[in-house]
C-alpha atoms as a PDB file:
ATOM      1  CA  MET A   1     100.966 113.038 121.760  1.00  0.00           C
ATOM      2  CA  ALA A   2     102.226 109.621 120.625  1.00  0.00           C
ATOM      3  CA  GLU A   3     103.212 109.302 116.986  1.00  0.00           C
ATOM      4  CA  LEU A   4     103.242 106.098 114.970  1.00  0.00           C
ATOM      5  CA  TYR A   5     105.485 105.497 111.982  1.00  0.00           C
ATOM      6  CA  LYS A   6     103.911 105.788 108.538  1.00  0.00           C
ATOM      7  CA  HIS A   7     105.558 105.000 105.237  1.00  0.00           C
ATOM      8  CA  SER A   8     106.441 108.033 103.137  1.00  0.00           C
ATOM      9  CA  GLY A   9     104.741 106.483 100.100  1.00  0.00           C
ATOM     10  CA  ALA A  10     107.902 106.890  98.021  1.00  0.00           C
ATOM     11  CA  VAL A  11     107.883 104.955  94.752  1.00  0.00           C
ATOM     12  CA  THR A  12     111.378 104.117  93.559  1.00  0.00           C
ATOM     13  CA  LEU A  13     112.162 103.004  90.021  1.00  0.00           C
ATOM     14  CA  THR A  14     114.594 100.435  91.401  1.00  0.00           C
ATOM     15  CA  GLY A  15     112.023  99.032  93.814  1.00  0.00           C
ATOM     16  CA  THR A  16     109.368  98.843  91.101  1.00  0.00           C
ATOM     17  CA  LEU A  17     111.670  97.080  88.653  1.00  0.00           C
ATOM     18  CA  MET A  18     113.142  94.730  91.233  1.00  0.00           C
ATOM     19  CA  GLY A  19     109.671  93.840  92.481  1.00  0.00           C
ATOM     20  CA  LEU A  20     108.544  93.106  88.923  1.00  0.00           C
ATOM     21  CA  VAL A  21     111.636  91.073  88.066  1.00  0.00           C
ATOM     22  CA  ALA A  22     111.640  89.023  91.270  1.00  0.00           C
ATOM     23  CA  GLY A  23     107.891  88.496  91.100  1.00  0.00           C
ATOM     24  CA  GLY A  24     107.960  87.736  87.388  1.00  0.00           C
ATOM     25  CA  VAL A  25     110.688  85.114  87.713  1.00  0.00           C
ATOM     26  CA  ALA A  26     108.867  83.508  90.642  1.00  0.00           C
ATOM     27  CA  ALA A  27     105.547  83.626  88.774  1.00  0.00           C
ATOM     28  CA  VAL A  28     106.944  81.797  85.740  1.00  0.00           C
ATOM     29  CA  ALA A  29     108.856  79.222  87.781  1.00  0.00           C
ATOM     30  CA  LEU A  30     105.961  78.527  90.147  1.00  0.00           C
ATOM     31  CA  ALA A  31     103.523  78.364  87.235  1.00  0.00           C
ATOM     32  CA  PHE A  32     105.391  75.366  85.808  1.00  0.00           C
ATOM     33  CA  VAL A  33     105.593  73.614  89.174  1.00  0.00           C
ATOM     34  CA  TYR A  34     101.970  74.404  89.986  1.00  0.00           C
ATOM     35  CA  THR A  35     100.511  73.286  86.662  1.00  0.00           C
ATOM     36  CA  TYR A  36     102.310  69.957  86.579  1.00  0.00           C
ATOM     37  CA  ALA A  37     101.557  69.324  90.272  1.00  0.00           C
ATOM     38  CA  VAL A  38      97.834  69.991  89.776  1.00  0.00           C
ATOM     39  CA  VAL A  39      97.743  67.681  86.744  1.00  0.00           C
ATOM     40  CA  TRP A  40      99.590  64.893  88.522  1.00  0.00           C
ATOM     41  CA  ILE A  41      97.895  65.170  91.933  1.00  0.00           C
ATOM     42  CA  PRO A  42      94.152  64.366  91.666  1.00  0.00           C
ATOM     43  CA  PHE A  43      93.197  65.580  95.147  1.00  0.00           C
ATOM     44  CA  ILE A  44      91.176  68.804  95.287  1.00  0.00           C
ATOM     45  CA  TYR A  45      92.241  69.710  98.834  1.00  0.00           C
ATOM     46  CA  VAL A  46      95.913  69.345  97.946  1.00  0.00           C
ATOM     47  CA  ASN A  47      95.314  71.396  94.804  1.00  0.00           C
ATOM     48  CA  PHE A  48      93.723  74.144  96.897  1.00  0.00           C
ATOM     49  CA  LEU A  49      96.827  74.243  99.098  1.00  0.00           C
ATOM     50  CA  LEU A  50      99.063  74.346  96.011  1.00  0.00           C
ATOM     51  CA  THR A  51      97.037  77.256  94.643  1.00  0.00           C
ATOM     52  CA  LEU A  52      97.511  79.174  97.879  1.00  0.00           C
ATOM     53  CA  ILE A  53     101.246  78.443  97.917  1.00  0.00           C
ATOM     54  CA  PHE A  54     101.473  79.634  94.303  1.00  0.00           C
ATOM     55  CA  GLY A  55      99.909  83.025  95.024  1.00  0.00           C
ATOM     56  CA  VAL A  56     101.695  83.592  98.329  1.00  0.00           C
ATOM     57  CA  GLY A  57     105.024  82.510  96.837  1.00  0.00           C
ATOM     58  CA  VAL A  58     104.733  85.100  94.082  1.00  0.00           C
ATOM     59  CA  GLY A  59     103.819  87.718  96.691  1.00  0.00           C
ATOM     60  CA  PHE A  60     106.874  86.912  98.801  1.00  0.00           C
ATOM     61  CA  ALA A  61     109.125  87.305  95.764  1.00  0.00           C
ATOM     62  CA  VAL A  62     107.597  90.679  94.892  1.00  0.00           C
ATOM     63  CA  ALA A  63     108.020  91.822  98.497  1.00  0.00           C
ATOM     64  CA  ALA A  64     111.688  90.786  98.547  1.00  0.00           C
ATOM     65  CA  GLY A  65     112.410  92.668  95.325  1.00  0.00           C
ATOM     66  CA  ALA A  66     110.466  95.751  96.389  1.00  0.00           C
ATOM     67  CA  LYS A  67     112.223  95.820  99.751  1.00  0.00           C
ATOM     68  CA  ALA A  68     115.647  95.509  98.137  1.00  0.00           C
ATOM     69  CA  GLY A  69     114.725  98.438  95.891  1.00  0.00           C
ATOM     70  CA  LYS A  70     113.458 100.495  98.876  1.00  0.00           C
ATOM     71  CA  LEU A  71     109.859 100.817  97.686  1.00  0.00           C
ATOM     72  CA  ARG A  72     107.723 102.438 100.418  1.00  0.00           C
ATOM     73  CA  ASN A  73     104.370 102.705  98.669  1.00  0.00           C
ATOM     74  CA  MET A  74     102.128  99.857  99.770  1.00  0.00           C
ATOM     75  CA  ALA A  75      99.508 100.455  97.066  1.00  0.00           C
ATOM     76  CA  VAL A  76     102.154 100.088  94.370  1.00  0.00           C
ATOM     77  CA  ALA A  77     103.573  97.018  96.117  1.00  0.00           C
ATOM     78  CA  GLY A  78     100.106  95.461  96.032  1.00  0.00           C
ATOM     79  CA  LEU A  79      99.635  96.304  92.351  1.00  0.00           C
ATOM     80  CA  LEU A  80     102.998  94.753  91.514  1.00  0.00           C
ATOM     81  CA  GLY A  81     101.915  91.608  93.333  1.00  0.00           C
ATOM     82  CA  ALA A  82      98.586  91.504  91.482  1.00  0.00           C
ATOM     83  CA  PHE A  83     100.308  91.951  88.117  1.00  0.00           C
ATOM     84  CA  CYS A  84     102.796  89.154  88.817  1.00  0.00           C
ATOM     85  CA  GLY A  85      99.954  86.966  90.065  1.00  0.00           C
ATOM     86  CA  LEU A  86      98.119  87.499  86.771  1.00  0.00           C
ATOM     87  CA  LEU A  87     101.331  86.744  84.883  1.00  0.00           C
ATOM     88  CA  GLY A  88     101.742  83.495  86.789  1.00  0.00           C
ATOM     89  CA  LEU A  89      98.121  82.551  86.119  1.00  0.00           C
ATOM     90  CA  TYR A  90      98.544  83.222  82.390  1.00  0.00           C
ATOM     91  CA  VAL A  91     101.739  81.164  82.173  1.00  0.00           C
ATOM     92  CA  ALA A  92     100.081  78.336  84.118  1.00  0.00           C
ATOM     93  CA  TRP A  93      97.273  78.222  81.559  1.00  0.00           C
ATOM     94  CA  ALA A  94      99.686  78.567  78.639  1.00  0.00           C
ATOM     95  CA  ILE A  95     101.608  75.437  79.624  1.00  0.00           C
ATOM     96  CA  HIS A  96      98.494  73.480  80.623  1.00  0.00           C
ATOM     97  CA  PRO A  97      98.190  71.830  77.175  1.00  0.00           C
ATOM     98  CA  MET A  98     101.751  70.536  77.584  1.00  0.00           C
ATOM     99  CA  ALA A  99     101.230  69.302  81.140  1.00  0.00           C
ATOM    100  CA  GLN A 100      97.797  67.763  80.500  1.00  0.00           C
ATOM    101  CA  PHE A 101      98.055  66.444  76.929  1.00  0.00           C
ATOM    102  CA  SER A 102     101.774  66.646  76.010  1.00  0.00           C
ATOM    103  CA  LEU A 103     100.931  69.334  73.442  1.00  0.00           C
ATOM    104  CA  THR A 104     102.845  72.484  72.548  1.00  0.00           C
ATOM    105  CA  PRO A 105     102.405  75.314  75.088  1.00  0.00           C
ATOM    106  CA  GLU A 106      99.978  77.965  73.849  1.00  0.00           C
ATOM    107  CA  PHE A 107     100.961  81.557  74.576  1.00  0.00           C
ATOM    108  CA  ASP A 108      98.852  83.169  71.850  1.00  0.00           C
ATOM    109  CA  PRO A 109      95.913  84.798  73.709  1.00  0.00           C
ATOM    110  CA  SER A 110      93.256  84.016  71.100  1.00  0.00           C
ATOM    111  CA  LYS A 111      94.279  80.374  70.736  1.00  0.00           C
ATOM    112  CA  LEU A 112      94.605  80.029  74.483  1.00  0.00           C
ATOM    113  CA  MET A 113      91.021  81.237  74.875  1.00  0.00           C
ATOM    114  CA  GLU A 114      89.907  78.586  72.377  1.00  0.00           C
ATOM    115  CA  TYR A 115      91.732  75.947  74.390  1.00  0.00           C
ATOM    116  CA  MET A 116      90.156  77.131  77.630  1.00  0.00           C
ATOM    117  CA  GLY A 117      86.743  77.059  75.937  1.00  0.00           C
ATOM    118  CA  ALA A 118      87.260  73.434  74.931  1.00  0.00           C
ATOM    119  CA  VAL A 119      88.328  72.500  78.453  1.00  0.00           C
ATOM    120  CA  TYR A 120      85.332  74.398  79.844  1.00  0.00           C
ATOM    121  CA  GLU A 121      82.958  72.285  77.742  1.00  0.00           C
ATOM    122  CA  LYS A 122      84.584  68.881  78.266  1.00  0.00           C
ATOM    123  CA  GLY A 123      86.602  69.168  81.472  1.00  0.00           C
ATOM    124  CA  THR A 124      89.815  67.303  82.262  1.00  0.00           C
ATOM    125  CA  TRP A 125      89.283  65.962  85.793  1.00  0.00           C
ATOM    126  CA  GLY A 126      86.480  64.848  88.085  1.00  0.00           C
ATOM    127  CA  ILE A 127      85.619  64.652  91.772  1.00  0.00           C
ATOM    128  CA  SER A 128      83.279  61.687  91.467  1.00  0.00           C
ATOM    129  CA  ARG A 129      82.394  58.814  89.122  1.00  0.00           C
ATOM    130  CA  SER A 130      79.923  61.031  87.276  1.00  0.00           C
ATOM    131  CA  GLY A 131      82.638  62.225  84.892  1.00  0.00           C
ATOM    132  CA  PRO A 132      84.869  65.288  84.432  1.00  0.00           C
ATOM    133  CA  VAL A 133      83.824  68.622  85.936  1.00  0.00           C
ATOM    134  CA  SER A 134      82.812  71.078  83.214  1.00  0.00           C
ATOM    135  CA  GLY A 135      80.596  74.058  82.496  1.00  0.00           C
ATOM    136  CA  ILE A 136      79.488  76.487  85.192  1.00  0.00           C
ATOM    137  CA  LEU A 137      80.915  74.489  88.097  1.00  0.00           C
ATOM    138  CA  LEU A 138      84.307  74.364  86.432  1.00  0.00           C
ATOM    139  CA  GLY A 139      84.089  78.096  85.716  1.00  0.00           C
ATOM    140  CA  ILE A 140      83.435  78.772  89.399  1.00  0.00           C
ATOM    141  CA  ILE A 141      86.440  76.662  90.362  1.00  0.00           C
ATOM    142  CA  TRP A 142      88.595  78.581  87.895  1.00  0.00           C
ATOM    143  CA  ALA A 143      87.371  81.902  89.309  1.00  0.00           C
ATOM    144  CA  VAL A 144      88.197  80.814  92.862  1.00  0.00           C
ATOM    145  CA  GLU A 145      91.600  79.582  91.724  1.00  0.00           C
ATOM    146  CA  ALA A 146      92.371  82.877  89.962  1.00  0.00           C
ATOM    147  CA  GLY A 147      91.186  84.871  92.974  1.00  0.00           C
ATOM    148  CA  ILE A 148      93.420  82.946  95.366  1.00  0.00           C
ATOM    149  CA  ILE A 149      96.485  83.363  93.167  1.00  0.00           C
ATOM    150  CA  VAL A 150      96.030  87.047  92.325  1.00  0.00           C
ATOM    151  CA  LEU A 151      94.818  88.132  95.772  1.00  0.00           C
ATOM    152  CA  GLY A 152      97.525  86.122  97.488  1.00  0.00           C
ATOM    153  CA  ALA A 153     100.181  87.745  95.341  1.00  0.00           C
ATOM    154  CA  ALA A 154      98.648  91.205  95.864  1.00  0.00           C
ATOM    155  CA  LEU A 155      98.168  91.057  99.636  1.00  0.00           C
ATOM    156  CA  VAL A 156     101.510  89.606 100.680  1.00  0.00           C
ATOM    157  CA  PRO A 157     103.829  92.518  99.646  1.00  0.00           C
ATOM    158  CA  PRO A 158     101.979  95.197 101.661  1.00  0.00           C
ATOM    159  CA  GLY A 159     101.723  92.738 104.535  1.00  0.00           C
ATOM    160  CA  ARG A 160     105.443  92.031 104.456  1.00  0.00           C
ATOM    161  CA  LEU A 161     106.576  95.635 104.038  1.00  0.00           C
ATOM    162  CA  GLY A 162     103.833  97.502 105.881  1.00  0.00           C
ATOM    163  CA  ASP A 163     105.211  96.833 109.372  1.00  0.00           C
ATOM    164  CA  LEU A 164     108.820  97.656 108.493  1.00  0.00           C
ATOM    165  CA  ALA A 165     110.136 101.137 109.246  1.00  0.00           C
ATOM    166  CA  PHE A 166     112.426 103.112 106.929  1.00  0.00           C
ATOM    167  CA  CYS A 167     114.928 105.827 107.825  1.00  0.00           C
ATOM    168  CA  GLU A 168     114.362 108.506 105.193  1.00  0.00           C
ATOM    169  CA  PRO A 169     117.475 110.642 105.981  1.00  0.00           C
ATOM    170  CA  CYS A 170     119.789 107.615 105.689  1.00  0.00           C
ATOM    171  CA  ASP A 171     117.764 105.923 102.920  1.00  0.00           C
ATOM    172  CA  VAL A 172     117.868 102.505 104.616  1.00  0.00           C
ATOM    173  CA  TRP A 173     115.448 100.108 106.278  1.00  0.00           C
ATOM    174  CA  THR A 174     115.674  99.961 110.037  1.00  0.00           C
ATOM    175  CA  ARG A 175     116.898  96.816 111.752  1.00  0.00           C
ATOM    176  CA  VAL A 176     114.521  94.977 114.065  1.00  0.00           C
ATOM    177  CA  GLN A 177     115.696  93.625 117.422  1.00  0.00           C
ATOM    178  CA  THR A 178     113.055  91.075 118.376  1.00  0.00           C
ATOM    179  CA  GLY A 179     112.390  90.344 122.034  1.00  0.00           C
ATOM    180  CA  VAL A 180     114.466  93.098 123.612  1.00  0.00           C
ATOM    181  CA  ARG A 181     112.453  92.208 126.701  1.00  0.00           C
ATOM    182  CA  THR A 182     109.270  90.330 127.572  1.00  0.00           C
ATOM    183  CA  ILE A 183     106.565  91.664 129.881  1.00  0.00           C
ATOM    184  CA  SER A 184     104.276  89.790 132.247  1.00  0.00           C
ATOM    185  CA  LEU A 185     100.570  90.245 131.580  1.00  0.00           C
ATOM    186  CA  ALA A 186      99.751  90.725 135.256  1.00  0.00           C
ATOM    187  CA  GLY A 187      98.296  94.235 135.655  1.00  0.00           C
ATOM    188  CA  VAL A 188      99.885  95.344 132.409  1.00  0.00           C
ATOM    189  CA  ASP A 189      96.877  96.882 130.633  1.00  0.00           C
ATOM    190  CA  PRO A 190      97.087 100.372 132.245  1.00  0.00           C
ATOM    191  CA  ILE A 191     100.818 100.458 131.597  1.00  0.00           C
ATOM    192  CA  LEU A 192     100.371  99.500 127.941  1.00  0.00           C
ATOM    193  CA  ALA A 193      97.807 102.283 127.596  1.00  0.00           C
ATOM    194  CA  ARG A 194     100.333 104.801 128.917  1.00  0.00           C
ATOM    195  CA  ILE A 195     103.022 103.519 126.579  1.00  0.00           C
ATOM    196  CA  GLY A 196     100.579 103.833 123.682  1.00  0.00           C
ATOM    197  CA  GLU A 197     100.149 107.480 124.619  1.00  0.00           C
ATOM    198  CA  GLY A 198     103.899 108.017 124.404  1.00  0.00           C
ATOM    199  CA  ASP A 199     104.954 107.418 128.034  1.00  0.00           C
ATOM    200  CA  VAL A 200     107.793 105.003 127.255  1.00  0.00           C
ATOM    201  CA  ALA A 201     109.147 105.357 130.800  1.00  0.00           C
ATOM    202  CA  ALA A 202     106.152 103.279 131.923  1.00  0.00           C
ATOM    203  CA  LEU A 203     108.157 100.247 130.762  1.00  0.00           C
ATOM    204  CA  ARG A 204     110.098 100.612 134.020  1.00  0.00           C
ATOM    205  CA  GLU A 205     106.944  99.651 135.922  1.00  0.00           C
ATOM    206  CA  THR A 206     106.463  96.346 134.093  1.00  0.00           C
ATOM    207  CA  LYS A 207     107.542  92.938 135.349  1.00  0.00           C
ATOM    208  CA  PRO A 208     109.397  90.376 133.209  1.00  0.00           C
ATOM    209  CA  SER A 209     107.470  87.358 132.069  1.00  0.00           C
ATOM    210  CA  ASP A 210     108.175  83.883 133.381  1.00  0.00           C
ATOM    211  CA  ALA A 211     108.893  80.839 131.230  1.00  0.00           C
ATOM    212  CA  ALA A 212     105.772  79.194 132.659  1.00  0.00           C
ATOM    213  CA  ASP A 213     103.480  82.071 131.652  1.00  0.00           C
ATOM    214  CA  ALA A 214     100.782  81.219 129.131  1.00  0.00           C
ATOM    215  CA  GLY A 215     101.189  84.623 127.553  1.00  0.00           C
ATOM    216  CA  TYR A 216     103.365  87.722 127.571  1.00  0.00           C
ATOM    217  CA  VAL A 217     104.038  90.966 125.730  1.00  0.00           C
ATOM    218  CA  ARG A 218     107.141  90.971 123.545  1.00  0.00           C
ATOM    219  CA  VAL A 219     109.033  94.225 123.124  1.00  0.00           C
ATOM    220  CA  ASP A 220     110.696  94.779 119.736  1.00  0.00           C
ATOM    221  CA  LEU A 221     112.933  97.702 118.811  1.00  0.00           C
ATOM    222  CA  SER A 222     113.616  98.980 115.290  1.00  0.00           C
ATOM    223  CA  THR A 223     116.565 101.313 114.814  1.00  0.00           C
ATOM    224  CA  CYS A 224     118.480 102.828 111.926  1.00  0.00           C
ATOM    225  CA  PRO A 225     121.902 101.183 111.520  1.00  0.00           C
ATOM    226  CA  ASN A 226     123.465 104.519 110.550  1.00  0.00           C
ATOM    227  CA  CYS A 227     121.956 107.160 112.847  1.00  0.00           C
ATOM    228  CA  ALA A 228     120.102 107.687 116.127  1.00  0.00           C
ATOM    229  CA  ASN A 229     117.226 109.626 114.599  1.00  0.00           C
ATOM    230  CA  SER A 230     114.976 106.723 113.597  1.00  0.00           C
ATOM    231  CA  ALA A 231     113.834 104.390 116.366  1.00  0.00           C
ATOM    232  CA  TYR A 232     110.490 102.654 116.831  1.00  0.00           C
ATOM    233  CA  LEU A 233     108.867 100.507 119.501  1.00  0.00           C
ATOM    234  CA  THR A 234     106.558  97.564 118.772  1.00  0.00           C
ATOM    235  CA  LEU A 235     104.607  95.598 121.375  1.00  0.00           C
ATOM    236  CA  THR A 236     103.229  92.172 120.489  1.00  0.00           C
ATOM    237  CA  LEU A 237     100.930  89.990 122.581  1.00  0.00           C
ATOM    238  CA  VAL A 238     102.186  86.394 122.456  1.00  0.00           C
ATOM    239  CA  GLN A 239      99.910  83.648 123.741  1.00  0.00           C
ATOM    240  CA  LYS A 240     100.797  79.981 124.043  1.00  0.00           C
ATOM    241  CA  LYS A 241      98.224  77.403 122.969  1.00  0.00           C
ATOM    242  CA  VAL A 242      98.148  73.647 123.573  1.00  0.00           C
ATOM    243  CA  ASP A 243      95.876  71.497 121.399  1.00  0.00           C
ATOM    244  CA  GLU A 244      94.162  68.229 122.318  1.00  0.00           C
ATOM    245  CA  LYS A 245      97.255  66.248 121.319  1.00  0.00           C
ATOM    246  CA  GLY A 246      99.468  68.313 123.595  1.00  0.00           C
ATOM    247  CA  LYS A 247     101.162  70.144 120.744  1.00  0.00           C
ATOM    248  CA  GLU A 248     102.171  73.668 121.706  1.00  0.00           C
ATOM    249  CA  SER A 249     101.847  76.668 119.393  1.00  0.00           C
ATOM    250  CA  THR A 250     101.857  80.436 119.764  1.00  0.00           C
ATOM    251  CA  GLU A 251      99.586  83.191 118.517  1.00  0.00           C
ATOM    252  CA  GLU A 252     100.805  86.746 118.041  1.00  0.00           C
ATOM    253  CA  LYS A 253      98.791  89.959 117.932  1.00  0.00           C
ATOM    254  CA  ALA A 254     100.212  93.461 117.541  1.00  0.00           C
ATOM    255  CA  VAL A 255      99.351  95.718 120.487  1.00  0.00           C
ATOM    256  CA  LEU A 256     101.374  98.720 119.318  1.00  0.00           C
ATOM    257  CA  GLN A 257     103.150  99.020 115.967  1.00  0.00           C
ATOM    258  CA  ASN A 258     106.191 101.247 115.437  1.00  0.00           C
ATOM    259  CA  LEU A 259     105.755 103.942 118.081  1.00  0.00           C
ATOM    260  CA  VAL A 260     108.184 106.762 117.248  1.00  0.00           C
ATOM    261  CA  LEU A 261     110.856 107.003 119.955  1.00  0.00           C
ATOM    262  CA  ALA A 262     113.054 109.874 121.069  1.00  0.00           C
ATOM    263  CA  ALA A 263     116.761 109.127 121.462  1.00  0.00           C
ATOM    264  CA  ALA A 264     116.384 108.981 125.257  1.00  0.00           C
ATOM    265  CA  ASP A 265     113.530 106.479 124.940  1.00  0.00           C
ATOM    266  CA  VAL A 266     115.792 103.951 123.213  1.00  0.00           C
ATOM    267  CA  GLY A 267     117.897 103.665 126.369  1.00  0.00           C
ATOM    268  CA  ILE A 268     114.766 103.028 128.437  1.00  0.00           C
ATOM    269  CA  VAL A 269     113.655 100.233 126.113  1.00  0.00           C
ATOM    270  CA  LYS A 270     117.071  98.593 126.347  1.00  0.00           C
ATOM    271  CA  GLU A 271     117.269  98.794 130.140  1.00  0.00           C
ATOM    272  CA  PRO A 272     117.302  95.415 131.911  1.00  0.00           C
ATOM    273  CA  ALA A 273     113.778  94.426 132.875  1.00  0.00           C
ATOM    274  CA  PRO A 274     113.061  95.237 136.537  1.00  0.00           C
ATOM    275  CA  ARG A 275     112.627  92.298 138.908  1.00  0.00           C
END
């Protein structure tokens, strides 16, 4: 029966602290950049993109710190991201008086709430000639903004770390070899089904993809750098797309994620693709 890798769920003090520190530093730094950019750039679509970059940027920092500290609990990684996202949102609001009105930053929670209340009533920007946005509409915009930042920061760490495999005996992350081989899509579905059931030798029946193919299956191999006991196979469907302007792009979709391999299976995966 095929077995897929699952994280142990280990929570390390180092990973927790490093995730918090990296995420916290990123949250504070990005809060300054974000707040001033939003004040200076009066375009709502650009501001939406900046909001997304803010949240995702914090999430990437948390993920990097958590990975360096060998955190393998995705729920905790997500909570660390959410906390740092909230921190970034708070700092962004705290320096808003300085960015918007050249006033002293306000980090006192009660006074900051008073400031937000005043902005809620009067508004500071508008999307038409009817005047600044305020009241309920502004509150909705704030809620969407907060959701994007916090959710972005919370979802990125599990997304970044969830597909990585860890060698518990050696206490290290595995190393990923991307594109060990590529497989033609012609008649490949039955073979992929067999591989998914643990028949790695079925790879020998595949054909290599051609450069002209519109799609192919990429074979990735994750192995422990210190031992031969942790090895995992990932299959990804890669499809090439060409838009109306002739610009080419690719879309990737996981077919099989981190299938546990026996030592003998690693040699099969690394064999030259049959012609």
